[in-house]
PDB file of N, CA and C in Angstrom:
ATOM      1  N   MET A   1     -18.473   5.821   7.466  1.00  0.00           N
ATOM      2  CA  MET A   1     -18.038   5.064   8.217  1.00  0.00           C
ATOM      3  C   MET A   1     -16.979   5.539   9.355  1.00  0.00           C
ATOM      4  N   ARG A   2     -17.690   5.882  10.753  1.00  0.00           N
ATOM      5  CA  ARG A   2     -17.629   6.514  11.719  1.00  0.00           C
ATOM      6  C   ARG A   2     -16.414   5.226  12.637  1.00  0.00           C
ATOM      7  N   VAL A   3     -15.435   5.564  13.177  1.00  0.00           N
ATOM      8  CA  VAL A   3     -14.524   4.462  13.553  1.00  0.00           C
ATOM      9  C   VAL A   3     -14.839   5.307  15.570  1.00  0.00           C
ATOM     10  N   VAL A   4     -15.299   4.885  16.276  1.00  0.00           N
ATOM     11  CA  VAL A   4     -15.477   4.919  17.600  1.00  0.00           C
ATOM     12  C   VAL A   4     -14.699   3.611  18.728  1.00  0.00           C
ATOM     13  N   VAL A   5     -14.424   4.285  19.454  1.00  0.00           N
ATOM     14  CA  VAL A   5     -13.143   3.385  20.524  1.00  0.00           C
ATOM     15  C   VAL A   5     -13.505   3.918  22.168  1.00  0.00           C
ATOM     16  N   ASP A   6     -14.323   2.513  22.438  1.00  0.00           N
ATOM     17  CA  ASP A   6     -14.557   2.743  23.901  1.00  0.00           C
ATOM     18  C   ASP A   6     -13.156   3.022  24.652  1.00  0.00           C
ATOM     19  N   LEU A   7     -13.043   4.340  24.991  1.00  0.00           N
ATOM     20  CA  LEU A   7     -11.814   3.995  25.992  1.00  0.00           C
ATOM     21  C   LEU A   7     -12.050   3.889  27.322  1.00  0.00           C
ATOM     22  N   ASN A   8     -12.884   3.572  27.852  1.00  0.00           N
ATOM     23  CA  ASN A   8     -12.942   3.272  29.046  1.00  0.00           C
ATOM     24  C   ASN A   8     -12.722   1.513  29.183  1.00  0.00           C
ATOM     25  N   ARG A   9     -12.986   0.887  28.170  1.00  0.00           N
ATOM     26  CA  ARG A   9     -12.813  -0.565  27.636  1.00  0.00           C
ATOM     27  C   ARG A   9     -11.688  -0.847  27.427  1.00  0.00           C
ATOM     28  N   CYS A  10     -10.824   0.138  26.327  1.00  0.00           N
ATOM     29  CA  CYS A  10      -9.847  -0.213  26.307  1.00  0.00           C
ATOM     30  C   CYS A  10      -8.417  -0.217  27.270  1.00  0.00           C
ATOM     31  N   GLN A  11      -7.664  -1.136  27.268  1.00  0.00           N
ATOM     32  CA  GLN A  11      -6.738  -1.287  28.397  1.00  0.00           C
ATOM     33  C   GLN A  11      -5.507  -1.485  28.040  1.00  0.00           C
ATOM     34  N   GLY A  12      -4.840  -0.504  26.509  1.00  0.00           N
ATOM     35  CA  GLY A  12      -4.063   0.133  26.185  1.00  0.00           C
ATOM     36  C   GLY A  12      -2.640  -1.472  25.479  1.00  0.00           C
ATOM     37  N   TYR A  13      -3.550  -2.338  24.774  1.00  0.00           N
ATOM     38  CA  TYR A  13      -2.633  -3.466  24.412  1.00  0.00           C
ATOM     39  C   TYR A  13      -1.938  -2.903  22.992  1.00  0.00           C
ATOM     40  N   ALA A  14      -2.358  -1.927  22.468  1.00  0.00           N
ATOM     41  CA  ALA A  14      -1.900  -1.211  21.390  1.00  0.00           C
ATOM     42  C   ALA A  14      -1.616  -2.043  20.271  1.00  0.00           C
ATOM     43  N   GLN A  15      -2.413  -3.249  20.003  1.00  0.00           N
ATOM     44  CA  GLN A  15      -3.012  -4.343  18.634  1.00  0.00           C
ATOM     45  C   GLN A  15      -3.287  -3.262  17.620  1.00  0.00           C
ATOM     46  N   CYS A  16      -4.032  -2.179  17.495  1.00  0.00           N
ATOM     47  CA  CYS A  16      -4.441  -1.698  16.607  1.00  0.00           C
ATOM     48  C   CYS A  16      -3.616  -0.436  15.960  1.00  0.00           C
ATOM     49  N   CYS A  17      -2.689   0.101  17.286  1.00  0.00           N
ATOM     50  CA  CYS A  17      -1.521   0.917  16.541  1.00  0.00           C
ATOM     51  C   CYS A  17      -0.397  -0.076  16.004  1.00  0.00           C
ATOM     52  N   PHE A  18      -0.594  -1.391  16.189  1.00  0.00           N
ATOM     53  CA  PHE A  18       0.647  -1.862  15.186  1.00  0.00           C
ATOM     54  C   PHE A  18       0.120  -2.301  13.856  1.00  0.00           C
ATOM     55  N   LEU A  19      -1.253  -2.571  14.038  1.00  0.00           N
ATOM     56  CA  LEU A  19      -1.957  -3.133  12.835  1.00  0.00           C
ATOM     57  C   LEU A  19      -2.189  -1.996  12.019  1.00  0.00           C
ATOM     58  N   ALA A  20      -2.604  -0.309  12.558  1.00  0.00           N
ATOM     59  CA  ALA A  20      -3.270   0.379  12.117  1.00  0.00           C
ATOM     60  C   ALA A  20      -2.056   1.677  12.515  1.00  0.00           C
ATOM     61  N   PRO A  21      -1.084   1.787  11.731  1.00  0.00           N
ATOM     62  CA  PRO A  21      -0.359   2.963  12.386  1.00  0.00           C
ATOM     63  C   PRO A  21      -0.943   4.553  12.313  1.00  0.00           C
ATOM     64  N   GLU A  22      -1.505   4.321  11.304  1.00  0.00           N
ATOM     65  CA  GLU A  22      -1.708   5.671  10.797  1.00  0.00           C
ATOM     66  C   GLU A  22      -2.690   5.907  11.169  1.00  0.00           C
ATOM     67  N   SER A  23      -3.698   5.624  11.944  1.00  0.00           N
ATOM     68  CA  SER A  23      -5.083   5.373  12.717  1.00  0.00           C
ATOM     69  C   SER A  23      -4.947   5.712  13.720  1.00  0.00           C
ATOM     70  N   PHE A  24      -3.749   4.696  14.973  1.00  0.00           N
ATOM     71  CA  PHE A  24      -3.929   4.429  16.558  1.00  0.00           C
ATOM     72  C   PHE A  24      -2.840   4.415  16.489  1.00  0.00           C
ATOM     73  N   LYS A  25      -2.515   5.844  17.526  1.00  0.00           N
ATOM     74  CA  LYS A  25      -1.502   5.668  18.200  1.00  0.00           C
ATOM     75  C   LYS A  25      -1.643   6.121  19.704  1.00  0.00           C
ATOM     76  N   LEU A  26      -0.595   5.006  20.464  1.00  0.00           N
ATOM     77  CA  LEU A  26      -0.682   5.168  21.807  1.00  0.00           C
ATOM     78  C   LEU A  26       0.051   6.398  22.041  1.00  0.00           C
ATOM     79  N   VAL A  27      -0.366   7.204  23.111  1.00  0.00           N
ATOM     80  CA  VAL A  27       0.689   8.507  23.681  1.00  0.00           C
ATOM     81  C   VAL A  27       0.380   7.818  25.537  1.00  0.00           C
ATOM     82  N   GLY A  28       1.801   7.786  25.971  1.00  0.00           N
ATOM     83  CA  GLY A  28       2.387   7.379  27.006  1.00  0.00           C
ATOM     84  C   GLY A  28       2.305   5.868  27.453  1.00  0.00           C
ATOM     85  N   GLU A  29       1.641   5.284  28.228  1.00  0.00           N
ATOM     86  CA  GLU A  29       1.807   4.386  28.300  1.00  0.00           C
ATOM     87  C   GLU A  29       0.082   3.461  28.692  1.00  0.00           C
ATOM     88  N   GLU A  30      -1.063   4.940  27.967  1.00  0.00           N
ATOM     89  CA  GLU A  30      -2.135   4.415  28.043  1.00  0.00           C
ATOM     90  C   GLU A  30      -3.337   5.352  27.364  1.00  0.00           C
ATOM     91  N   ALA A  31      -2.960   6.156  27.129  1.00  0.00           N
ATOM     92  CA  ALA A  31      -3.791   7.348  25.821  1.00  0.00           C
ATOM     93  C   ALA A  31      -3.899   6.654  24.943  1.00  0.00           C
ATOM     94  N   LEU A  32      -4.554   6.536  24.175  1.00  0.00           N
ATOM     95  CA  LEU A  32      -4.820   6.201  23.127  1.00  0.00           C
ATOM     96  C   LEU A  32      -5.390   7.783  22.397  1.00  0.00           C
ATOM     97  N   MET A  33      -4.828   7.531  20.856  1.00  0.00           N
ATOM     98  CA  MET A  33      -5.520   8.948  19.932  1.00  0.00           C
ATOM     99  C   MET A  33      -5.715   8.040  18.945  1.00  0.00           C
ATOM    100  N   TYR A  34      -6.590   8.470  18.282  1.00  0.00           N
ATOM    101  CA  TYR A  34      -7.371   7.551  16.946  1.00  0.00           C
ATOM    102  C   TYR A  34      -8.187   9.132  16.230  1.00  0.00           C
ATOM    103  N   ASP A  35      -8.126   8.466  15.012  1.00  0.00           N
ATOM    104  CA  ASP A  35      -8.816   9.064  14.086  1.00  0.00           C
ATOM    105  C   ASP A  35     -10.254   8.656  14.061  1.00  0.00           C
ATOM    106  N   PRO A  36     -11.260   9.556  14.094  1.00  0.00           N
ATOM    107  CA  PRO A  36     -12.774   9.182  14.278  1.00  0.00           C
ATOM    108  C   PRO A  36     -13.181   8.757  12.481  1.00  0.00           C
ATOM    109  N   ALA A  37     -12.605   9.481  11.497  1.00  0.00           N
ATOM    110  CA  ALA A  37     -12.740   9.585  10.340  1.00  0.00           C
ATOM    111  C   ALA A  37     -11.783   9.685   9.062  1.00  0.00           C
ATOM    112  N   PRO A  38     -11.511   8.210   9.093  1.00  0.00           N
ATOM    113  CA  PRO A  38     -10.235   7.709   8.383  1.00  0.00           C
ATOM    114  C   PRO A  38     -10.680   7.771   6.781  1.00  0.00           C
ATOM    115  N   ASN A  39      -8.988   7.732   6.309  1.00  0.00           N
ATOM    116  CA  ASN A  39      -9.539   7.630   4.526  1.00  0.00           C
ATOM    117  C   ASN A  39     -10.795   6.629   4.193  1.00  0.00           C
ATOM    118  N   ASP A  40     -11.020   6.098   3.285  1.00  0.00           N
ATOM    119  CA  ASP A  40     -11.281   4.858   3.022  1.00  0.00           C
ATOM    120  C   ASP A  40     -10.268   3.849   2.315  1.00  0.00           C
ATOM    121  N   ASP A  41      -8.637   4.496   2.420  1.00  0.00           N
ATOM    122  CA  ASP A  41      -7.922   3.338   2.055  1.00  0.00           C
ATOM    123  C   ASP A  41      -7.373   2.961   3.321  1.00  0.00           C
ATOM    124  N   GLN A  42      -7.567   3.726   4.872  1.00  0.00           N
ATOM    125  CA  GLN A  42      -6.961   2.794   5.635  1.00  0.00           C
ATOM    126  C   GLN A  42      -8.054   1.635   6.276  1.00  0.00           C
ATOM    127  N   MET A  43      -9.491   1.596   5.623  1.00  0.00           N
ATOM    128  CA  MET A  43     -10.587   0.798   6.286  1.00  0.00           C
ATOM    129  C   MET A  43     -10.081  -0.510   6.909  1.00  0.00           C
ATOM    130  N   ILE A  44      -9.637  -1.096   5.741  1.00  0.00           N
ATOM    131  CA  ILE A  44      -9.216  -2.484   5.498  1.00  0.00           C
ATOM    132  C   ILE A  44      -8.047  -2.990   6.874  1.00  0.00           C
ATOM    133  N   LYS A  45      -7.131  -2.229   7.002  1.00  0.00           N
ATOM    134  CA  LYS A  45      -6.158  -1.990   8.402  1.00  0.00           C
ATOM    135  C   LYS A  45      -6.733  -1.837   9.792  1.00  0.00           C
ATOM    136  N   ILE A  46      -7.247  -0.925   9.561  1.00  0.00           N
ATOM    137  CA  ILE A  46      -8.356  -0.653  10.859  1.00  0.00           C
ATOM    138  C   ILE A  46      -9.340  -1.772  11.427  1.00  0.00           C
ATOM    139  N   GLU A  47     -10.027  -2.100  10.214  1.00  0.00           N
ATOM    140  CA  GLU A  47     -10.765  -3.282  10.625  1.00  0.00           C
ATOM    141  C   GLU A  47     -10.135  -4.651  10.959  1.00  0.00           C
ATOM    142  N   ARG A  48      -8.983  -4.932  11.026  1.00  0.00           N
ATOM    143  CA  ARG A  48      -7.841  -5.710  10.874  1.00  0.00           C
ATOM    144  C   ARG A  48      -7.663  -5.341  12.477  1.00  0.00           C
ATOM    145  N   ALA A  49      -7.262  -4.108  12.706  1.00  0.00           N
ATOM    146  CA  ALA A  49      -6.967  -3.841  14.186  1.00  0.00           C
ATOM    147  C   ALA A  49      -8.121  -4.067  15.158  1.00  0.00           C
ATOM    148  N   ALA A  50      -9.314  -3.616  14.829  1.00  0.00           N
ATOM    149  CA  ALA A  50     -10.211  -3.944  15.542  1.00  0.00           C
ATOM    150  C   ALA A  50     -10.939  -5.340  15.713  1.00  0.00           C
ATOM    151  N   ALA A  51     -10.763  -6.253  14.866  1.00  0.00           N
ATOM    152  CA  ALA A  51     -10.743  -7.960  14.897  1.00  0.00           C
ATOM    153  C   ALA A  51      -9.804  -8.441  15.902  1.00  0.00           C
ATOM    154  N   ALA A  52      -8.580  -7.493  16.037  1.00  0.00           N
ATOM    155  CA  ALA A  52      -7.548  -8.035  16.777  1.00  0.00           C
ATOM    156  C   ALA A  52      -7.638  -7.320  18.414  1.00  0.00           C
ATOM    157  N   CYS A  53      -8.453  -6.481  18.527  1.00  0.00           N
ATOM    158  CA  CYS A  53      -8.291  -5.731  20.020  1.00  0.00           C
ATOM    159  C   CYS A  53      -8.810  -6.661  20.769  1.00  0.00           C
ATOM    160  N   PRO A  54      -8.016  -7.113  21.893  1.00  0.00           N
ATOM    161  CA  PRO A  54      -8.125  -8.417  22.619  1.00  0.00           C
ATOM    162  C   PRO A  54      -9.497  -8.334  23.790  1.00  0.00           C
ATOM    163  N   VAL A  55     -10.161  -6.966  23.633  1.00  0.00           N
ATOM    164  CA  VAL A  55     -11.538  -6.121  24.539  1.00  0.00           C
ATOM    165  C   VAL A  55     -12.520  -5.875  23.900  1.00  0.00           C
ATOM    166  N   GLN A  56     -12.216  -5.704  22.724  1.00  0.00           N
ATOM    167  CA  GLN A  56     -12.892  -5.630  21.918  1.00  0.00           C
ATOM    168  C   GLN A  56     -13.720  -4.289  21.730  1.00  0.00           C
ATOM    169  N   ALA A  57     -12.960  -3.219  21.949  1.00  0.00           N
ATOM    170  CA  ALA A  57     -13.301  -1.791  22.129  1.00  0.00           C
ATOM    171  C   ALA A  57     -13.395  -1.022  20.695  1.00  0.00           C
ATOM    172  N   ILE A  58     -12.834  -1.599  19.729  1.00  0.00           N
ATOM    173  CA  ILE A  58     -13.252  -0.975  18.459  1.00  0.00           C
ATOM    174  C   ILE A  58     -14.506  -1.322  17.798  1.00  0.00           C
ATOM    175  N   ARG A  59     -15.582  -0.072  17.663  1.00  0.00           N
ATOM    176  CA  ARG A  59     -16.767  -0.505  16.632  1.00  0.00           C
ATOM    177  C   ARG A  59     -16.768   0.353  15.489  1.00  0.00           C
ATOM    178  N   PHE A  60     -17.749   0.797  14.664  1.00  0.00           N
ATOM    179  CA  PHE A  60     -18.109   1.149  13.347  1.00  0.00           C
ATOM    180  C   PHE A  60     -19.244   2.151  13.403  1.00  0.00           C
ATOM    181  N   GLU A  61     -19.824   2.680  13.320  1.00  0.00           N
ATOM    182  CA  GLU A  61     -20.800   3.559  13.226  1.00  0.00           C
ATOM    183  C   GLU A  61     -20.830   3.791  11.656  1.00  0.00           C
ATOM    184  N   HIS A  62     -22.246   3.242  11.069  1.00  0.00           N
ATOM    185  CA  HIS A  62     -22.351   4.004   9.814  1.00  0.00           C
ATOM    186  C   HIS A  62     -22.639   5.676   9.765  1.00  0.00           C
ATOM    187  N   THR A  63     -22.189   6.301   9.239  1.00  0.00           N
ATOM    188  CA  THR A  63     -23.011   7.787   8.905  1.00  0.00           C
ATOM    189  C   THR A  63     -23.643   7.893   7.446  1.00  0.00           C
ATOM    190  N   SER A  64     -24.490   8.692   8.053  1.00  0.00           N
ATOM    191  CA  SER A  64     -25.507   9.193   6.612  1.00  0.00           C
ATOM    192  C   SER A  64     -25.307  10.306   6.571  1.00  0.00           C
ATOM    193  N   PRO A  65     -24.917  10.834   5.425  1.00  0.00           N
ATOM    194  CA  PRO A  65     -24.976  12.091   4.674  1.00  0.00           C
ATOM    195  C   PRO A  65     -26.209  13.071   4.954  1.00  0.00           C
ATOM    196  N   HIS A  66     -26.983  12.506   5.179  1.00  0.00           N
ATOM    197  CA  HIS A  66     -27.971  13.719   5.753  1.00  0.00           C
ATOM    198  C   HIS A  66     -29.041  12.986   6.002  1.00  0.00           C
ATOM    199  N   PRO A  67     -28.966  13.092   7.361  1.00  0.00           N
ATOM    200  CA  PRO A  67     -29.728  12.424   8.744  1.00  0.00           C
ATOM    201  C   PRO A  67     -31.510  13.137   8.521  1.00  0.00           C
ATOM    202  N   ALA A  68     -32.198  12.232   8.672  1.00  0.00           N
ATOM    203  CA  ALA A  68     -33.565  12.941   8.949  1.00  0.00           C
ATOM    204  C   ALA A  68     -33.943  13.902  10.290  1.00  0.00           C
ATOM    205  N   GLN A  69     -34.247  14.715   9.682  1.00  0.00           N
ATOM    206  CA  GLN A  69     -34.665  15.959  10.987  1.00  0.00           C
ATOM    207  C   GLN A  69     -36.049  15.551  10.954  1.00  0.00           C
ATOM    208  N   PRO A  70     -36.459  15.990  12.340  1.00  0.00           N
ATOM    209  CA  PRO A  70     -37.574  15.654  12.827  1.00  0.00           C
ATOM    210  C   PRO A  70     -38.304  16.933  12.052  1.00  0.00           C
ATOM    211  N   GLY A  71     -39.727  16.464  11.193  1.00  0.00           N
ATOM    212  CA  GLY A  71     -40.802  17.529  10.657  1.00  0.00           C
ATOM    213  C   GLY A  71     -40.294  17.896   9.368  1.00  0.00           C
ATOM    214  N   GLY A  72     -38.886  17.357   8.842  1.00  0.00           N
ATOM    215  CA  GLY A  72     -38.090  17.577   8.140  1.00  0.00           C
ATOM    216  C   GLY A  72     -38.819  16.701   6.626  1.00  0.00           C
ATOM    217  N   PRO A  73     -38.460  16.970   5.613  1.00  0.00           N
ATOM    218  CA  PRO A  73     -38.955  16.184   4.612  1.00  0.00           C
ATOM    219  C   PRO A  73     -39.181  14.919   4.096  1.00  0.00           C
ATOM    220  N   THR A  74     -38.470  14.159   4.816  1.00  0.00           N
ATOM    221  CA  THR A  74     -38.593  13.064   5.227  1.00  0.00           C
ATOM    222  C   THR A  74     -39.858  12.246   6.462  1.00  0.00           C
ATOM    223  N   SER A  75     -40.024  13.367   6.799  1.00  0.00           N
ATOM    224  CA  SER A  75     -41.037  12.700   7.952  1.00  0.00           C
ATOM    225  C   SER A  75     -42.303  13.093   7.186  1.00  0.00           C
ATOM    226  N   GLN A  76     -43.440  12.285   7.874  1.00  0.00           N
ATOM    227  CA  GLN A  76     -44.664  12.266   7.420  1.00  0.00           C
ATOM    228  C   GLN A  76     -45.281  12.498   8.331  1.00  0.00           C
ATOM    229  N   LYS A  77     -46.692  13.280   8.005  1.00  0.00           N
ATOM    230  CA  LYS A  77     -47.433  13.395   9.680  1.00  0.00           C
ATOM    231  C   LYS A  77     -48.591  12.911   9.413  1.00  0.00           C
ATOM    232  N   GLN A  78     -49.190  12.416  10.172  1.00  0.00           N
ATOM    233  CA  GLN A  78     -50.527  11.987  10.294  1.00  0.00           C
ATOM    234  C   GLN A  78     -51.359  12.609  10.576  1.00  0.00           C
ATOM    235  N   GLY A  79     -52.843  12.874   9.609  1.00  0.00           N
ATOM    236  CA  GLY A  79     -53.972  13.642  10.209  1.00  0.00           C
ATOM    237  C   GLY A  79     -54.114  15.114   9.150  1.00  0.00           C
ATOM    238  N   GLY A  80     -54.164  15.872  10.005  1.00  0.00           N
ATOM    239  CA  GLY A  80     -54.662  17.633   9.044  1.00  0.00           C
ATOM    240  C   GLY A  80     -55.362  17.336   7.951  1.00  0.00           C
ATOM    241  N   GLN A  81     -55.635  18.525   7.508  1.00  0.00           N
ATOM    242  CA  GLN A  81     -56.989  18.408   6.718  1.00  0.00           C
ATOM    243  C   GLN A  81     -56.571  18.505   5.036  1.00  0.00           C
ATOM    244  N   ASN A  82     -57.878  18.315   4.805  1.00  0.00           N
ATOM    245  CA  ASN A  82     -58.007  17.586   2.822  1.00  0.00           C
ATOM    246  C   ASN A  82     -58.822  18.730   2.599  1.00  0.00           C
ATOM    247  N   GLY A  83     -58.460  19.356   1.022  1.00  0.00           N
ATOM    248  CA  GLY A  83     -58.701  20.579   0.316  1.00  0.00           C
ATOM    249  C   GLY A  83     -59.080  21.658   0.795  1.00  0.00           C
TER     250      GLY A  83
END
């Protein structure tokens, strides 16, 4: 799973920094640094941080280890010649 922070939405309340300091860090007064690919053992803290964000700037994206490529083995083509 990948962590994504909408830095345009983030207002620097730093609730995430308090709840998951290993993954989120406020640099200066408003610049948020974060780990987009944290270890699985950090995910509970990060989920709590996301829930506590006053502006809901933290979200999660599911990552696939092998994304389907157009024309790749998972694609099916219609038509063609038989035999």
